[in-house]
Protein backbone atom coordinates (compact mmCIF):
# COMPACT_ATOMS: atom_id res chain seq x y z
CA UNK A 1 70.61 96.00 -154.60
CA UNK A 2 71.50 92.38 -155.38
CA UNK A 3 73.80 90.00 -153.53
CA UNK A 4 77.54 90.23 -154.11
CA UNK A 5 78.06 86.52 -154.80
CA UNK A 6 81.83 86.69 -155.15
CA UNK A 7 82.10 88.52 -151.82
CA UNK A 8 79.83 85.93 -150.24
CA UNK A 9 81.93 83.08 -151.67
CA UNK A 10 85.02 84.62 -150.12
CA UNK A 11 83.28 84.34 -146.75
CA UNK A 12 83.32 80.52 -147.09
CA UNK A 13 86.92 79.25 -146.99
CA UNK A 14 86.10 75.71 -148.16
CA UNK A 15 84.82 76.95 -151.52
CA UNK A 16 88.27 78.10 -152.64
CA UNK A 17 89.78 74.61 -152.69
CA UNK A 18 90.25 72.15 -155.54
CA UNK A 19 89.14 68.51 -155.67
CA UNK A 20 91.02 66.14 -157.98
CA UNK A 21 92.63 69.22 -159.49
CA UNK A 22 89.26 70.84 -160.27
CA UNK A 23 87.65 73.81 -158.46
CA UNK A 24 85.15 72.50 -155.90
CA UNK A 25 81.52 72.78 -156.99
CA UNK A 26 79.49 72.05 -153.87
CA UNK A 27 75.90 71.01 -154.56
CA UNK A 28 75.32 68.92 -151.42
CA UNK A 29 73.83 71.73 -149.36
CA UNK A 30 70.66 69.76 -148.58
CA UNK A 31 72.81 67.37 -146.54
CA UNK A 32 74.83 70.12 -144.85
CA UNK A 33 75.86 73.67 -145.67
CA UNK A 34 79.37 75.08 -145.54
CA UNK A 35 80.35 77.48 -142.79
CA UNK A 36 81.18 81.19 -143.16
CA UNK A 37 84.41 82.46 -141.67
CA UNK A 38 82.55 84.43 -138.97
CA UNK A 39 81.17 81.16 -137.56
CA UNK A 40 84.54 79.42 -137.75
CA UNK A 41 86.24 82.39 -136.06
CA UNK A 42 83.56 82.48 -133.36
CA UNK A 43 84.06 78.81 -132.52
CA UNK A 44 87.84 79.28 -132.40
CA UNK A 45 87.52 82.26 -130.10
CA UNK A 46 85.13 80.40 -127.82
CA UNK A 47 87.47 77.45 -127.41
CA UNK A 48 90.65 79.53 -127.07
CA UNK A 49 89.48 82.47 -124.96
CA UNK A 50 85.93 82.13 -123.63
CA UNK A 51 85.28 78.47 -122.85
CA UNK A 52 83.60 77.42 -119.61
CA UNK A 53 80.53 75.40 -118.62
CA UNK A 54 77.34 77.44 -118.58
CA UNK A 55 74.71 78.02 -115.86
CA UNK A 56 76.80 76.57 -113.04
CA UNK A 57 79.66 78.93 -112.34
CA UNK A 58 79.95 82.27 -110.58
CA UNK A 59 83.31 83.06 -112.17
CA UNK A 60 83.90 85.34 -115.15
CA UNK A 61 84.31 82.72 -117.90
CA UNK A 62 81.18 80.81 -116.90
CA UNK A 63 79.07 83.95 -116.64
CA UNK A 64 80.38 85.15 -120.02
CA UNK A 65 79.62 81.81 -121.72
CA UNK A 66 76.17 81.70 -120.11
CA UNK A 67 75.34 85.18 -121.37
CA UNK A 68 76.43 84.29 -124.93
CA UNK A 69 74.39 81.07 -124.82
CA UNK A 70 71.23 82.83 -123.68
CA UNK A 71 71.81 85.59 -126.23
CA UNK A 72 71.95 82.88 -128.91
CA UNK A 73 68.56 81.69 -127.70
CA UNK A 74 67.21 85.23 -128.11
CA UNK A 75 68.75 85.41 -131.58
CA UNK A 76 66.83 82.27 -132.59
CA UNK A 77 63.68 83.68 -130.99
CA UNK A 78 63.95 86.84 -133.06
CA UNK A 79 64.92 84.96 -136.22
CA UNK A 80 61.73 82.86 -136.22
CA UNK A 81 59.62 85.48 -134.41
CA UNK A 82 58.72 83.37 -131.38
CA UNK A 83 56.70 85.06 -128.65
CA UNK A 84 59.05 84.12 -125.78
CA UNK A 85 62.70 83.11 -125.52
CA UNK A 86 61.72 80.18 -123.28
CA UNK A 87 59.87 78.69 -126.26
CA UNK A 88 63.29 78.00 -127.81
CA UNK A 89 64.78 74.65 -126.74
CA UNK A 90 68.30 73.75 -127.87
CA UNK A 91 68.63 70.11 -128.97
CA UNK A 92 71.12 68.01 -130.95
CA UNK A 93 69.36 68.76 -134.25
CA UNK A 94 66.03 68.53 -136.04
CA UNK A 95 66.05 64.77 -135.45
CA UNK A 96 66.60 65.30 -131.73
CA UNK A 97 63.82 67.88 -131.66
CA UNK A 98 61.29 65.58 -133.34
CA UNK A 99 62.21 62.73 -131.01
CA UNK A 100 61.79 65.08 -128.03
CA UNK A 101 58.22 65.89 -129.08
CA UNK A 102 57.42 62.27 -129.96
CA UNK A 103 58.53 61.10 -126.51
CA UNK A 104 57.33 64.03 -124.41
CA UNK A 105 54.08 65.06 -126.11
CA UNK A 106 53.48 61.48 -127.18
CA UNK A 107 53.81 59.98 -123.72
CA UNK A 108 51.26 62.40 -122.28
CA UNK A 109 48.68 62.77 -125.02
CA UNK A 110 48.74 59.70 -127.29
CA UNK A 111 46.74 56.62 -126.29
CA UNK A 112 45.81 53.27 -127.84
CA UNK A 113 44.00 53.58 -131.20
CA UNK A 114 44.88 57.27 -131.50
CA UNK A 115 46.26 58.47 -134.83
CA UNK A 116 49.25 60.51 -135.98
CA UNK A 117 49.42 62.06 -139.44
CA UNK A 118 52.61 62.51 -141.47
CA UNK A 119 53.09 63.09 -145.20
CA UNK A 120 54.33 60.83 -147.94
CA UNK A 121 57.41 62.98 -148.52
CA UNK A 122 58.85 62.97 -145.00
CA UNK A 123 62.48 62.41 -144.11
CA UNK A 124 62.96 59.25 -142.05
CA UNK A 125 63.55 61.52 -139.04
CA UNK A 126 59.90 62.59 -139.24
CA UNK A 127 58.61 59.06 -139.74
CA UNK A 128 60.50 56.70 -137.45
CA UNK A 129 60.02 58.57 -134.12
CA UNK A 130 56.25 58.55 -134.75
CA UNK A 131 56.33 54.88 -135.71
CA UNK A 132 58.15 54.15 -132.46
CA UNK A 133 55.50 56.11 -130.57
CA UNK A 134 52.74 54.19 -132.34
CA UNK A 135 54.40 50.92 -131.38
CA UNK A 136 54.66 51.97 -127.73
CA UNK A 137 51.10 53.24 -127.52
CA UNK A 138 49.42 50.93 -130.05
CA UNK A 139 48.45 53.98 -132.07
CA UNK A 140 48.22 54.29 -135.87
CA UNK A 141 50.26 56.24 -138.40
CA UNK A 142 48.35 57.85 -141.28
CA UNK A 143 49.98 59.27 -144.42
CA UNK A 144 49.02 62.24 -146.61
CA UNK A 145 49.50 61.16 -150.25
CA UNK A 146 51.13 63.27 -152.95
CA UNK A 147 50.59 63.67 -156.68
CA UNK A 148 53.01 63.01 -159.53
CA UNK A 149 54.43 66.55 -159.45
CA UNK A 150 55.41 66.14 -155.80
CA UNK A 151 52.64 68.14 -154.14
CA UNK A 152 50.56 66.98 -151.19
CA UNK A 153 46.90 66.23 -151.92
CA UNK A 154 45.20 68.50 -149.40
CA UNK A 155 41.72 67.07 -149.96
CA UNK A 156 43.01 63.65 -148.94
CA UNK A 157 44.66 65.20 -145.87
CA UNK A 158 41.31 66.64 -144.78
CA UNK A 159 39.80 63.15 -144.94
CA UNK A 160 42.44 61.76 -142.59
CA UNK A 161 41.65 64.14 -139.73
CA UNK A 162 39.23 62.79 -137.15
CA UNK A 163 38.63 62.85 -133.37
CA UNK A 164 41.38 60.23 -132.87
CA UNK A 165 44.06 62.42 -134.52
CA UNK A 166 46.49 63.65 -131.86
CA UNK A 167 49.17 65.44 -133.91
CA UNK A 168 50.13 66.24 -137.50
CA UNK A 169 53.86 66.27 -138.41
CA UNK A 170 54.93 67.46 -141.87
CA UNK A 171 57.99 69.02 -143.43
CA UNK A 172 57.99 72.64 -144.53
CA UNK A 173 60.14 71.71 -147.52
CA UNK A 174 60.90 68.28 -148.99
CA UNK A 175 64.60 67.45 -148.83
CA UNK A 176 64.27 65.09 -151.80
CA UNK A 177 61.95 67.06 -154.11
CA UNK A 178 62.34 70.68 -153.02
CA UNK A 179 58.55 71.05 -152.69
CA UNK A 180 57.46 73.93 -150.44
CA UNK A 181 54.41 72.57 -148.66
CA UNK A 182 51.39 74.81 -147.89
CA UNK A 183 52.10 74.51 -144.17
CA UNK A 184 49.97 77.48 -143.14
CA UNK A 185 46.93 75.86 -144.77
CA UNK A 186 47.84 72.49 -143.26
CA UNK A 187 48.02 74.10 -139.81
CA UNK A 188 44.71 75.95 -140.21
CA UNK A 189 42.94 72.74 -141.25
CA UNK A 190 44.39 70.83 -138.29
CA UNK A 191 43.57 73.60 -135.81
CA UNK A 192 39.96 73.63 -137.00
CA UNK A 193 39.88 70.04 -135.73
CA UNK A 194 41.74 71.04 -132.54
CA UNK A 195 44.87 69.10 -133.57
CA UNK A 196 48.41 70.48 -132.96
CA UNK A 197 51.00 70.56 -135.77
CA UNK A 198 54.76 70.02 -135.84
CA UNK A 199 56.63 71.48 -138.81
CA UNK A 200 60.03 70.06 -139.79
CA UNK A 201 61.85 73.14 -141.05
CA UNK A 202 65.26 71.55 -141.63
CA UNK A 203 65.14 72.37 -145.37
CA UNK A 204 63.25 75.66 -145.09
CA UNK A 205 65.04 77.74 -142.48
CA UNK A 206 68.07 78.45 -144.73
CA UNK A 207 66.00 79.44 -147.77
CA UNK A 208 63.14 81.62 -146.56
CA UNK A 209 61.80 83.76 -143.76
CA UNK A 210 60.09 81.66 -141.10
CA UNK A 211 57.58 83.34 -138.78
CA UNK A 212 56.17 80.86 -136.29
CA UNK A 213 53.56 83.32 -135.04
CA UNK A 214 52.24 83.92 -138.55
CA UNK A 215 52.23 80.19 -139.29
CA UNK A 216 50.65 79.52 -135.88
CA UNK A 217 52.46 76.16 -135.73
CA UNK A 218 52.60 74.39 -132.39
CA UNK A 219 56.13 73.07 -132.90
CA UNK A 220 58.87 74.02 -135.39
CA UNK A 221 62.22 72.24 -135.62
CA UNK A 222 65.46 72.74 -137.51
CA UNK A 223 69.17 71.85 -137.47
CA UNK A 224 72.07 74.28 -137.12
CA UNK A 225 74.36 72.59 -139.64
CA UNK A 226 71.87 73.08 -142.49
CA UNK A 227 71.66 76.83 -141.86
CA UNK A 228 75.43 77.56 -142.01
CA UNK A 229 75.95 76.83 -138.31
CA UNK A 230 77.84 74.06 -136.49
CA UNK A 231 76.87 70.40 -136.28
CA UNK A 232 75.36 68.89 -133.17
CA UNK A 233 72.94 71.71 -132.46
CA UNK A 234 69.28 72.13 -133.29
CA UNK A 235 66.18 74.00 -132.26
CA UNK A 236 62.82 72.92 -130.98
CA UNK A 237 60.30 75.75 -130.91
CA UNK A 238 57.12 74.99 -129.04
CA UNK A 239 54.24 77.12 -127.89
CA UNK A 240 54.77 77.96 -124.24
CA UNK A 241 51.49 76.43 -123.06
CA UNK A 242 52.26 73.12 -124.73
CA UNK A 243 55.83 72.94 -123.46
CA UNK A 244 54.72 73.85 -119.96
CA UNK A 245 52.34 70.89 -119.81
CA UNK A 246 54.70 68.36 -121.42
CA UNK A 247 56.93 66.17 -119.21
CA UNK A 248 60.70 66.21 -119.70
CA UNK A 249 61.99 63.39 -121.88
CA UNK A 250 65.51 63.30 -120.43
CA UNK A 251 66.72 63.54 -116.85
CA UNK A 252 69.95 65.00 -115.52
CA UNK A 253 71.64 68.18 -114.47
CA UNK A 254 70.22 71.63 -115.22
CA UNK A 255 66.69 70.35 -115.88
CA UNK A 256 65.91 69.96 -112.18
CA UNK A 257 64.69 72.29 -109.45
CA UNK A 258 65.03 70.11 -106.35
CA UNK A 259 66.29 66.52 -106.16
CA UNK A 260 65.79 64.08 -103.31
CA UNK A 261 65.72 60.27 -103.35
CA UNK A 262 62.01 60.48 -102.71
CA UNK A 263 61.04 63.02 -105.40
CA UNK A 264 62.43 65.40 -108.01
CA UNK A 265 60.86 68.63 -109.17
CA UNK A 266 61.75 70.10 -112.55
CA UNK A 267 63.23 73.39 -113.64
CA UNK A 268 61.27 76.05 -115.51
CA UNK A 269 61.23 76.46 -119.29
CA UNK A 270 63.36 76.16 -121.33
CA UNK A 271 65.76 74.34 -119.00
CA UNK A 272 63.27 71.54 -118.26
CA UNK A 273 64.11 70.15 -121.70
CA UNK A 274 67.87 70.76 -121.70
CA UNK A 275 69.30 68.01 -119.49
CA UNK A 276 73.04 67.89 -118.92
CA UNK A 277 75.71 70.19 -120.27
CA UNK A 278 74.25 71.67 -123.44
CA UNK A 279 76.24 72.00 -126.65
CA UNK A 280 76.55 75.68 -125.81
CA UNK A 281 79.51 76.34 -128.10
CA UNK A 282 77.54 75.19 -131.16
CA UNK A 283 74.45 77.07 -129.97
CA UNK A 284 76.50 80.27 -129.88
CA UNK A 285 77.87 79.39 -133.32
CA UNK A 286 74.31 78.94 -134.59
CA UNK A 287 73.42 82.41 -133.30
CA UNK A 288 76.42 83.79 -135.21
CA UNK A 289 75.28 82.01 -138.40
CA UNK A 290 71.78 83.50 -138.12
CA UNK A 291 73.26 86.97 -137.57
CA UNK A 292 75.33 86.44 -140.74
CA UNK A 293 72.23 85.53 -142.77
CA UNK A 294 70.37 88.55 -141.43
CA UNK A 295 73.24 90.78 -142.57
CA UNK A 296 72.74 89.54 -146.15
CA UNK A 297 68.93 89.91 -146.24
CA UNK A 298 66.82 86.76 -146.49
CA UNK A 299 64.57 88.19 -149.20
CA UNK A 300 67.58 88.77 -151.46
CA UNK A 301 68.83 85.25 -150.74
CA UNK A 302 65.43 83.76 -151.65
CA UNK A 303 65.23 85.83 -154.83
CA UNK A 304 68.71 84.82 -156.00
CA UNK A 305 68.14 81.14 -155.24
CA UNK A 306 64.87 81.23 -157.21
CA UNK A 307 66.69 82.73 -160.21
CA UNK A 308 69.41 80.10 -160.15
CA UNK A 309 66.80 77.32 -159.73
CA UNK A 310 64.96 78.49 -162.86
CA UNK A 311 68.23 78.67 -164.78
CA UNK A 312 69.33 75.22 -163.60
CA UNK A 313 65.95 73.65 -164.36
CA UNK A 314 65.95 74.93 -167.95
CA UNK A 315 69.58 73.90 -168.40
CA UNK A 316 69.07 70.33 -167.18
CA UNK A 317 65.76 69.86 -169.01
CA UNK A 318 67.69 70.23 -172.28
CA UNK A 319 69.67 67.07 -171.53
CA UNK A 320 68.13 64.13 -173.38
CA UNK A 321 67.01 61.34 -171.07
CA UNK A 322 67.15 63.47 -167.90
CA UNK A 323 64.06 63.30 -165.69
CA UNK A 324 63.50 65.71 -162.79
CA UNK A 325 61.55 64.41 -159.79
CA UNK A 326 59.72 67.16 -157.95
CA UNK A 327 58.06 69.71 -160.21
CA UNK A 328 55.88 71.48 -157.68
CA UNK A 329 54.67 74.98 -158.44
CA UNK A 330 56.41 76.18 -155.28
CA UNK A 331 59.85 74.73 -154.57
CA UNK A 332 63.32 75.62 -153.33
CA UNK A 333 66.54 75.19 -155.30
CA UNK A 334 66.73 71.41 -155.27
CA UNK A 335 67.03 69.36 -158.45
CA UNK A 336 66.49 65.65 -157.94
CA UNK A 337 66.95 63.73 -161.18
CA UNK A 338 67.86 60.56 -163.04
CA UNK A 339 69.49 60.20 -166.45
CA UNK A 340 68.48 57.34 -168.75
CA UNK A 341 69.06 54.06 -166.89
CA UNK A 342 72.26 55.23 -165.24
CA UNK A 343 72.51 54.35 -161.55
CA UNK A 344 72.67 57.47 -159.36
CA UNK A 345 75.80 56.21 -157.59
CA UNK A 346 77.68 55.80 -160.86
CA UNK A 347 76.73 59.29 -162.01
CA UNK A 348 77.68 60.74 -158.63
CA UNK A 349 81.11 59.07 -158.67
CA UNK A 350 81.96 60.49 -162.09
CA UNK A 351 80.74 63.98 -161.16
CA UNK A 352 82.91 63.77 -158.04
CA UNK A 353 86.01 63.21 -160.18
CA UNK A 354 85.11 66.48 -161.92
CA UNK A 355 85.05 68.27 -158.56
CA UNK A 356 81.24 68.35 -158.40
CA UNK A 357 79.69 67.25 -155.11
CA UNK A 358 76.12 65.95 -155.35
CA UNK A 359 74.11 63.55 -153.19
CA UNK A 360 72.95 60.17 -154.48
CA UNK A 361 70.53 57.62 -153.07
CA UNK A 362 67.17 57.78 -151.31
CA UNK A 363 67.99 60.93 -149.27
CA UNK A 364 66.47 59.22 -146.21
CA UNK A 365 63.08 59.22 -147.94
CA UNK A 366 62.60 55.57 -148.92
CA UNK A 367 58.77 55.71 -148.86
CA UNK A 368 58.92 58.66 -151.25
CA UNK A 369 61.21 56.77 -153.62
CA UNK A 370 58.78 53.83 -153.47
CA UNK A 371 55.97 56.25 -154.40
CA UNK A 372 57.82 57.09 -157.64
CA UNK A 373 58.95 53.48 -158.11
CA UNK A 374 62.64 54.35 -158.19
CA UNK A 375 65.63 53.30 -156.09
CA UNK A 376 66.94 56.82 -155.62
CA UNK A 377 68.01 59.99 -157.41
CA UNK A 378 70.92 62.32 -157.97
CA UNK A 379 70.30 65.49 -155.98
CA UNK A 380 71.86 68.89 -156.58
CA UNK A 381 70.87 71.20 -153.72
CA UNK A 382 71.71 74.84 -154.38
CA UNK A 383 72.19 77.82 -152.06
CA UNK A 384 73.17 81.46 -152.38
CA UNK A 385 76.94 80.87 -152.64
CA UNK A 386 76.46 78.75 -155.76
CA UNK A 387 76.79 80.39 -159.17
CA UNK A 388 75.29 80.17 -162.65
CA UNK A 389 78.73 79.09 -163.90
CA UNK A 390 78.61 76.14 -161.52
CA UNK A 391 75.25 75.13 -163.00
CA UNK A 392 76.92 75.12 -166.41
CA UNK A 393 79.64 72.84 -165.02
CA UNK A 394 77.02 70.50 -163.61
CA UNK A 395 75.27 70.25 -166.98
CA UNK A 396 78.59 69.62 -168.73
CA UNK A 397 79.50 67.01 -166.14
CA UNK A 398 76.18 65.18 -166.57
CA UNK A 399 76.65 65.09 -170.35
CA UNK A 400 80.18 63.77 -169.97
CA UNK A 401 79.12 61.13 -167.44
CA UNK A 402 76.23 60.13 -169.69
CA UNK A 403 78.61 59.57 -172.60
CA UNK A 404 80.98 57.53 -170.44
CA UNK A 405 78.24 55.35 -168.94
CA UNK A 406 76.05 54.81 -172.01
């Protein structure tokens, strides 16, 4: 049984609107996904009927909110198949999660002349925190190169690993190219050298089944707003043993056990890493979004998105002068392209006037753009509520923009 795309589209209120008198065609899902009505309704209900600060109150509203928050943690645990619920840390997003590891793990385990490995296709969020760590500790950042099709060169990665390597941090899926990296192989190679691995799953979690036990990753991070949940919430998964031995990176309420002016002892996992009042409303909303995805079947979602990617690729390849960046054998439904010598911003502005939302620029991957010797691309990122008819509109829009700008 296939997905009922029209029923799914009706679940997302924003998709029914018009932009400049044209039906909205939303292809900016790599930046952020739209929200289903069940998530919107959940947030409304929380703020109007169930709102109270968690973990601190003995009254009904506080206990109710606390239970929903901790149930959301268990939902995430189940969704990514973590061993324990305390391995799930709620953060502000994937960026917050990576920074948490860079500061906490980094402060304890990284020393002068140690090395950290990232890949050449990382989002700035998985580059800059490690650069900052290297600056603090006088360590070195090493980069896995990629080939012209947008695939990491694994043999070169193997050469980078050495006794000074303290952690490897790579994305599961490239936000700019759509490449699905062989993260299980990357993890196995690192573990053979006794090196832990962080996987940035911000662009993977909404497209495929993620099983952290099967991957055997040490850390896995993602953002709620890219997986149909609210903004301002993210997840840091970490193996319990690692998290237990890492120091907290923020101090404040809820992360403490006992506080005196002489000494403070810290709370148990996961609360040790959740200082202050958590964004519990968005965490609950994220749990609702994951429940919604489970109700649709992730395998069906992945299958449909693969079909529409193949259709879109063939459609766009027929346009003279259009070049697609990112032609990996395994990729998600992202099409990053340029047309002739047209600037991405100009193309994006014209498509916008046709009601078509795309992303233009470097996509926070400037080193990757430098690798291909370009200033940026036009990116159409596709998810399961997009349609084949919308792909046709995109192709028509590109042809029209090309005529106008030539």
